[in-house]
Amino acid sequence: MEKTVQQMFAKRRTNYTLGKDVTLPQEEITARIEAVVREVPSAFNMQSGRIIIAYGSAHDKIWQITKDTLRAVVPAEAFANTEKKIDSFAAAYGTILYYDDTDVVKKLQEQFPLYAANFPTWAQQANGMMQYALWTLFANMGLAANLQHYNPLIDEALASEFDVPASWQLIAQMPFGQPLSQPGPIEKLPIDERVKIVF
């Protein structure tokens, strides 16, 4: 039975217990990610969102860089918890790095000066839609994911490691992989506190 869109959204959850035992072919995962990225909307069709899909040693390197970077700034007595968290991300199958191409944003700011102040916000909104769309895709492929924000601490090292263009601004990191457990229930606000209906 085909899932409704609502059911697909409901399936997407934050999951921190991820593994590498993924049976889907890597080529299929990549193709489906690319298909979703192609369809994500953006203001003025700016398409400023960029991603890096990291598998294997590249995925491992992301979290080793993150661990090494944090080791230099987190107090030694508190690092064990930090290391445990980073290791849980490294245990995943892959990672998506989300970026915005600031050159695209700047070009549109110059082209449409009346809206110049809005383009960075619109770019972030589009990037958020891309993150949510891919997160939902993973959930409905039988995978799981979570979203992290270690930028800007790791930006420079990742840029050097993966030859990231200077105009790409790191927005978020999403480890994904085999779900090793199911997330528990989370508290939701009453919907009437979030939705107002007017006539």
C-alpha atoms as a PDB file:
ATOM      1  CA  MET A   1       0.000   0.000   0.000  1.00  0.00           C
ATOM      2  CA  GLU A   2       1.380   3.364  -0.998  1.00  0.00           C
ATOM      3  CA  LYS A   3       2.274   5.619   1.902  1.00  0.00           C
ATOM      4  CA  THR A   4       0.619   8.980   2.227  1.00  0.00           C
ATOM      5  CA  VAL A   5       2.843  12.040   2.421  1.00  0.00           C
ATOM      6  CA  GLN A   6       1.788  12.464   6.055  1.00  0.00           C
ATOM      7  CA  GLN A   7       2.907   8.920   6.862  1.00  0.00           C
ATOM      8  CA  MET A   8       6.225   9.538   5.144  1.00  0.00           C
ATOM      9  CA  PHE A   9       6.823  12.673   7.207  1.00  0.00           C
ATOM     10  CA  ALA A  10       5.816  10.906  10.423  1.00  0.00           C
ATOM     11  CA  LYS A  11       8.383   8.183   9.771  1.00  0.00           C
ATOM     12  CA  ARG A  12      11.248  10.709   9.750  1.00  0.00           C
ATOM     13  CA  ARG A  13      12.780  10.886  13.219  1.00  0.00           C
ATOM     14  CA  THR A  14      16.104  11.773  14.792  1.00  0.00           C
ATOM     15  CA  ASN A  15      18.023   8.554  15.365  1.00  0.00           C
ATOM     16  CA  TYR A  16      21.429   8.484  17.087  1.00  0.00           C
ATOM     17  CA  THR A  17      21.970   4.715  16.951  1.00  0.00           C
ATOM     18  CA  LEU A  18      23.226   4.105  13.431  1.00  0.00           C
ATOM     19  CA  GLY A  19      25.161   1.256  11.878  1.00  0.00           C
ATOM     20  CA  LYS A  20      26.987   0.426   8.664  1.00  0.00           C
ATOM     21  CA  ASP A  21      25.013  -2.694   7.697  1.00  0.00           C
ATOM     22  CA  VAL A  22      23.109  -1.163   4.777  1.00  0.00           C
ATOM     23  CA  THR A  23      21.933  -3.575   2.092  1.00  0.00           C
ATOM     24  CA  LEU A  24      20.793  -0.999  -0.463  1.00  0.00           C
ATOM     25  CA  PRO A  25      23.309  -0.556  -3.274  1.00  0.00           C
ATOM     26  CA  GLN A  26      25.364   2.607  -2.855  1.00  0.00           C
ATOM     27  CA  GLU A  27      24.558   3.598  -6.436  1.00  0.00           C
ATOM     28  CA  GLU A  28      20.829   3.466  -5.656  1.00  0.00           C
ATOM     29  CA  ILE A  29      21.230   5.591  -2.527  1.00  0.00           C
ATOM     30  CA  THR A  30      23.219   8.160  -4.489  1.00  0.00           C
ATOM     31  CA  ALA A  31      20.750   8.229  -7.368  1.00  0.00           C
ATOM     32  CA  ARG A  32      17.800   8.763  -5.048  1.00  0.00           C
ATOM     33  CA  ILE A  33      19.610  11.527  -3.156  1.00  0.00           C
ATOM     34  CA  GLU A  34      20.422  13.271  -6.432  1.00  0.00           C
ATOM     35  CA  ALA A  35      16.807  12.969  -7.605  1.00  0.00           C
ATOM     36  CA  VAL A  36      15.523  14.620  -4.430  1.00  0.00           C
ATOM     37  CA  VAL A  37      18.107  17.426  -4.510  1.00  0.00           C
ATOM     38  CA  ARG A  38      17.067  18.185  -8.089  1.00  0.00           C
ATOM     39  CA  GLU A  39      13.455  18.757  -7.003  1.00  0.00           C
ATOM     40  CA  VAL A  40      13.984  20.940  -3.915  1.00  0.00           C
ATOM     41  CA  PRO A  41      12.453  24.386  -4.454  1.00  0.00           C
ATOM     42  CA  SER A  42      14.222  27.683  -3.806  1.00  0.00           C
ATOM     43  CA  ALA A  43      13.325  31.358  -4.016  1.00  0.00           C
ATOM     44  CA  PHE A  44      14.020  32.819  -7.470  1.00  0.00           C
ATOM     45  CA  ASN A  45      15.034  29.256  -8.410  1.00  0.00           C
ATOM     46  CA  MET A  46      18.452  30.137  -6.986  1.00  0.00           C
ATOM     47  CA  GLN A  47      19.448  26.483  -6.401  1.00  0.00           C
ATOM     48  CA  SER A  48      22.233  27.565  -4.049  1.00  0.00           C
ATOM     49  CA  GLY A  49      22.158  24.362  -1.996  1.00  0.00           C
ATOM     50  CA  ARG A  50      25.103  22.009  -2.423  1.00  0.00           C
ATOM     51  CA  ILE A  51      25.883  18.668  -0.829  1.00  0.00           C
ATOM     52  CA  ILE A  52      28.787  16.284  -0.486  1.00  0.00           C
ATOM     53  CA  ILE A  53      27.835  12.622  -0.068  1.00  0.00           C
ATOM     54  CA  ALA A  54      30.579  10.876   1.886  1.00  0.00           C
ATOM     55  CA  TYR A  55      30.912   7.100   2.019  1.00  0.00           C
ATOM     56  CA  GLY A  56      33.608   4.804   3.362  1.00  0.00           C
ATOM     57  CA  SER A  57      36.892   6.437   4.313  1.00  0.00           C
ATOM     58  CA  ALA A  58      35.580   9.918   3.414  1.00  0.00           C
ATOM     59  CA  HIS A  59      32.723   9.478   5.915  1.00  0.00           C
ATOM     60  CA  ASP A  60      35.203   8.260   8.552  1.00  0.00           C
ATOM     61  CA  LYS A  61      37.458  11.246   7.867  1.00  0.00           C
ATOM     62  CA  ILE A  62      34.651  13.729   8.541  1.00  0.00           C
ATOM     63  CA  TRP A  63      34.169  12.433  12.050  1.00  0.00           C
ATOM     64  CA  GLN A  64      37.889  12.022  12.728  1.00  0.00           C
ATOM     65  CA  ILE A  65      38.355  15.685  11.757  1.00  0.00           C
ATOM     66  CA  THR A  66      35.439  16.622  14.007  1.00  0.00           C
ATOM     67  CA  LYS A  67      36.867  14.636  16.921  1.00  0.00           C
ATOM     68  CA  ASP A  68      40.364  16.080  16.492  1.00  0.00           C
ATOM     69  CA  THR A  69      38.972  19.607  16.236  1.00  0.00           C
ATOM     70  CA  LEU A  70      36.837  19.246  19.341  1.00  0.00           C
ATOM     71  CA  ARG A  71      39.651  17.633  21.312  1.00  0.00           C
ATOM     72  CA  ALA A  72      41.516  20.929  20.985  1.00  0.00           C
ATOM     73  CA  VAL A  73      38.649  23.019  22.410  1.00  0.00           C
ATOM     74  CA  VAL A  74      36.703  20.768  24.805  1.00  0.00           C
ATOM     75  CA  PRO A  75      38.101  20.482  28.354  1.00  0.00           C
ATOM     76  CA  ALA A  76      39.902  17.152  28.822  1.00  0.00           C
ATOM     77  CA  GLU A  77      37.650  16.109  31.700  1.00  0.00           C
ATOM     78  CA  ALA A  78      34.566  16.528  29.499  1.00  0.00           C
ATOM     79  CA  PHE A  79      35.955  15.027  26.305  1.00  0.00           C
ATOM     80  CA  ALA A  80      34.901  11.418  26.963  1.00  0.00           C
ATOM     81  CA  ASN A  81      31.234  12.284  26.420  1.00  0.00           C
ATOM     82  CA  THR A  82      32.082  14.303  23.316  1.00  0.00           C
ATOM     83  CA  GLU A  83      34.155  11.442  21.917  1.00  0.00           C
ATOM     84  CA  LYS A  84      31.331   8.960  22.534  1.00  0.00           C
ATOM     85  CA  LYS A  85      28.916  11.179  20.625  1.00  0.00           C
ATOM     86  CA  ILE A  86      31.288  11.654  17.685  1.00  0.00           C
ATOM     87  CA  ASP A  87      31.989   7.918  17.580  1.00  0.00           C
ATOM     88  CA  SER A  88      28.236   7.288  17.257  1.00  0.00           C
ATOM     89  CA  PHE A  89      28.184   9.437  14.116  1.00  0.00           C
ATOM     90  CA  ALA A  90      31.273   7.679  12.742  1.00  0.00           C
ATOM     91  CA  ALA A  91      29.486   4.349  13.281  1.00  0.00           C
ATOM     92  CA  ALA A  92      26.966   5.334  10.588  1.00  0.00           C
ATOM     93  CA  TYR A  93      27.158   4.261   6.953  1.00  0.00           C
ATOM     94  CA  GLY A  94      27.655   7.681   5.384  1.00  0.00           C
ATOM     95  CA  THR A  95      27.349  11.424   5.883  1.00  0.00           C
ATOM     96  CA  ILE A  96      25.860  14.247   3.883  1.00  0.00           C
ATOM     97  CA  LEU A  97      27.532  17.624   4.222  1.00  0.00           C
ATOM     98  CA  TYR A  98      25.138  20.461   3.431  1.00  0.00           C
ATOM     99  CA  TYR A  99      26.443  23.702   1.940  1.00  0.00           C
ATOM    100  CA  ASP A 100      25.187  26.946   0.440  1.00  0.00           C
ATOM    101  CA  ASP A 101      27.057  28.428  -2.513  1.00  0.00           C
ATOM    102  CA  THR A 102      27.442  32.053  -1.445  1.00  0.00           C
ATOM    103  CA  ASP A 103      28.503  33.103  -4.946  1.00  0.00           C
ATOM    104  CA  VAL A 104      25.014  32.214  -6.186  1.00  0.00           C
ATOM    105  CA  VAL A 105      23.470  34.256  -3.381  1.00  0.00           C
ATOM    106  CA  LYS A 106      25.709  37.258  -4.086  1.00  0.00           C
ATOM    107  CA  LYS A 107      24.933  37.160  -7.795  1.00  0.00           C
ATOM    108  CA  LEU A 108      21.198  37.321  -7.107  1.00  0.00           C
ATOM    109  CA  GLN A 109      21.709  40.099  -4.579  1.00  0.00           C
ATOM    110  CA  GLU A 110      23.396  42.118  -7.309  1.00  0.00           C
ATOM    111  CA  GLN A 111      20.764  41.199  -9.875  1.00  0.00           C
ATOM    112  CA  PHE A 112      17.810  42.035  -7.600  1.00  0.00           C
ATOM    113  CA  PRO A 113      19.038  44.735  -5.177  1.00  0.00           C
ATOM    114  CA  LEU A 114      15.520  45.390  -3.867  1.00  0.00           C
ATOM    115  CA  TYR A 115      15.560  41.926  -2.274  1.00  0.00           C
ATOM    116  CA  ALA A 116      19.290  41.760  -1.506  1.00  0.00           C
ATOM    117  CA  ALA A 117      18.871  41.435   2.258  1.00  0.00           C
ATOM    118  CA  ASN A 118      16.510  38.480   1.852  1.00  0.00           C
ATOM    119  CA  PHE A 119      18.590  36.169  -0.338  1.00  0.00           C
ATOM    120  CA  PRO A 120      20.799  34.732   2.462  1.00  0.00           C
ATOM    121  CA  THR A 121      17.655  33.895   4.452  1.00  0.00           C
ATOM    122  CA  TRP A 122      15.959  32.380   1.421  1.00  0.00           C
ATOM    123  CA  ALA A 123      19.059  30.287   0.721  1.00  0.00           C
ATOM    124  CA  GLN A 124      18.999  28.948   4.282  1.00  0.00           C
ATOM    125  CA  GLN A 125      15.305  28.150   3.974  1.00  0.00           C
ATOM    126  CA  ALA A 126      15.902  26.206   0.774  1.00  0.00           C
ATOM    127  CA  ASN A 127      18.785  24.352   2.412  1.00  0.00           C
ATOM    128  CA  GLY A 128      16.501  23.426   5.290  1.00  0.00           C
ATOM    129  CA  MET A 129      13.961  22.059   2.824  1.00  0.00           C
ATOM    130  CA  MET A 130      16.698  19.980   1.216  1.00  0.00           C
ATOM    131  CA  GLN A 131      17.761  18.614   4.604  1.00  0.00           C
ATOM    132  CA  TYR A 132      14.188  17.703   5.492  1.00  0.00           C
ATOM    133  CA  ALA A 133      13.506  16.152   2.106  1.00  0.00           C
ATOM    134  CA  LEU A 134      16.603  13.932   2.274  1.00  0.00           C
ATOM    135  CA  TRP A 135      15.949  13.035   5.912  1.00  0.00           C
ATOM    136  CA  THR A 136      12.440  11.922   4.915  1.00  0.00           C
ATOM    137  CA  LEU A 137      13.863  10.019   1.950  1.00  0.00           C
ATOM    138  CA  PHE A 138      16.240   8.110   4.220  1.00  0.00           C
ATOM    139  CA  ALA A 139      13.459   7.174   6.624  1.00  0.00           C
ATOM    140  CA  ASN A 140      11.355   5.834   3.796  1.00  0.00           C
ATOM    141  CA  MET A 141      14.281   3.854   2.371  1.00  0.00           C
ATOM    142  CA  GLY A 142      14.585   2.020   5.690  1.00  0.00           C
ATOM    143  CA  LEU A 143      17.561   4.113   6.792  1.00  0.00           C
ATOM    144  CA  ALA A 144      17.892   6.554   9.683  1.00  0.00           C
ATOM    145  CA  ALA A 145      19.693   9.848  10.220  1.00  0.00           C
ATOM    146  CA  ASN A 146      20.311  12.773  12.514  1.00  0.00           C
ATOM    147  CA  LEU A 147      21.402  16.353  11.910  1.00  0.00           C
ATOM    148  CA  GLN A 148      24.511  17.953  13.385  1.00  0.00           C
ATOM    149  CA  HIS A 149      26.039  21.431  13.342  1.00  0.00           C
ATOM    150  CA  TYR A 150      29.761  21.396  14.068  1.00  0.00           C
ATOM    151  CA  ASN A 151      30.337  24.287  11.697  1.00  0.00           C
ATOM    152  CA  PRO A 152      32.196  26.616  11.679  1.00  0.00           C
ATOM    153  CA  LEU A 153      34.708  24.684  13.800  1.00  0.00           C
ATOM    154  CA  ILE A 154      35.308  22.031  11.131  1.00  0.00           C
ATOM    155  CA  ASP A 155      34.788  24.124   7.998  1.00  0.00           C
ATOM    156  CA  GLU A 156      38.410  24.790   7.132  1.00  0.00           C
ATOM    157  CA  ALA A 157      39.615  21.229   7.684  1.00  0.00           C
ATOM    158  CA  LEU A 158      36.768  19.739   5.646  1.00  0.00           C
ATOM    159  CA  ALA A 159      37.340  22.258   2.869  1.00  0.00           C
ATOM    160  CA  SER A 160      40.974  21.237   2.698  1.00  0.00           C
ATOM    161  CA  GLU A 161      40.252  17.508   2.872  1.00  0.00           C
ATOM    162  CA  PHE A 162      37.546  17.461   0.198  1.00  0.00           C
ATOM    163  CA  ASP A 163      38.647  20.379  -2.010  1.00  0.00           C
ATOM    164  CA  VAL A 164      35.477  22.328  -1.228  1.00  0.00           C
ATOM    165  CA  PRO A 165      35.085  25.548  -3.245  1.00  0.00           C
ATOM    166  CA  ALA A 166      35.772  28.678  -1.209  1.00  0.00           C
ATOM    167  CA  SER A 167      32.271  29.993  -1.920  1.00  0.00           C
ATOM    168  CA  TRP A 168      30.584  26.982  -0.276  1.00  0.00           C
ATOM    169  CA  GLN A 169      29.430  27.695   3.273  1.00  0.00           C
ATOM    170  CA  LEU A 170      28.946  24.649   5.503  1.00  0.00           C
ATOM    171  CA  ILE A 171      25.439  24.515   6.983  1.00  0.00           C
ATOM    172  CA  ALA A 172      25.009  21.072   8.572  1.00  0.00           C
ATOM    173  CA  GLN A 173      26.173  17.468   8.709  1.00  0.00           C
ATOM    174  CA  MET A 174      23.845  14.443   8.458  1.00  0.00           C
ATOM    175  CA  PRO A 175      25.162  10.987   9.330  1.00  0.00           C
ATOM    176  CA  PHE A 176      22.894   8.240   8.011  1.00  0.00           C
ATOM    177  CA  GLY A 177      22.805   4.486   8.105  1.00  0.00           C
ATOM    178  CA  GLN A 178      21.208   1.351   9.452  1.00  0.00           C
ATOM    179  CA  PRO A 179      18.762   2.068  12.311  1.00  0.00           C
ATOM    180  CA  LEU A 180      19.940   0.015  15.294  1.00  0.00           C
ATOM    181  CA  SER A 181      17.002   1.042  17.478  1.00  0.00           C
ATOM    182  CA  GLN A 182      13.796   2.993  17.149  1.00  0.00           C
ATOM    183  CA  PRO A 183      13.500   6.469  18.665  1.00  0.00           C
ATOM    184  CA  GLY A 184      11.119   6.810  21.583  1.00  0.00           C
ATOM    185  CA  PRO A 185       8.089   9.089  21.617  1.00  0.00           C
ATOM    186  CA  ILE A 186       8.663  12.822  21.747  1.00  0.00           C
ATOM    187  CA  GLU A 187       6.495  15.527  23.240  1.00  0.00           C
ATOM    188  CA  LYS A 188       4.511  17.587  20.764  1.00  0.00           C
ATOM    189  CA  LEU A 189       2.842  20.888  21.539  1.00  0.00           C
ATOM    190  CA  PRO A 190      -0.927  21.004  21.128  1.00  0.00           C
ATOM    191  CA  ILE A 191      -1.483  21.712  17.461  1.00  0.00           C
ATOM    192  CA  ASP A 192      -3.758  24.656  18.184  1.00  0.00           C
ATOM    193  CA  GLU A 193      -0.759  26.429  19.719  1.00  0.00           C
ATOM    194  CA  ARG A 194       1.036  26.187  16.392  1.00  0.00           C
ATOM    195  CA  VAL A 195      -1.735  26.460  13.820  1.00  0.00           C
ATOM    196  CA  LYS A 196      -4.150  29.364  13.622  1.00  0.00           C
ATOM    197  CA  ILE A 197      -7.160  29.086  11.358  1.00  0.00           C
ATOM    198  CA  VAL A 198      -8.762  32.272  10.040  1.00  0.00           C
ATOM    199  CA  PHE A 199     -11.768  32.913   7.795  1.00  0.00           C
END
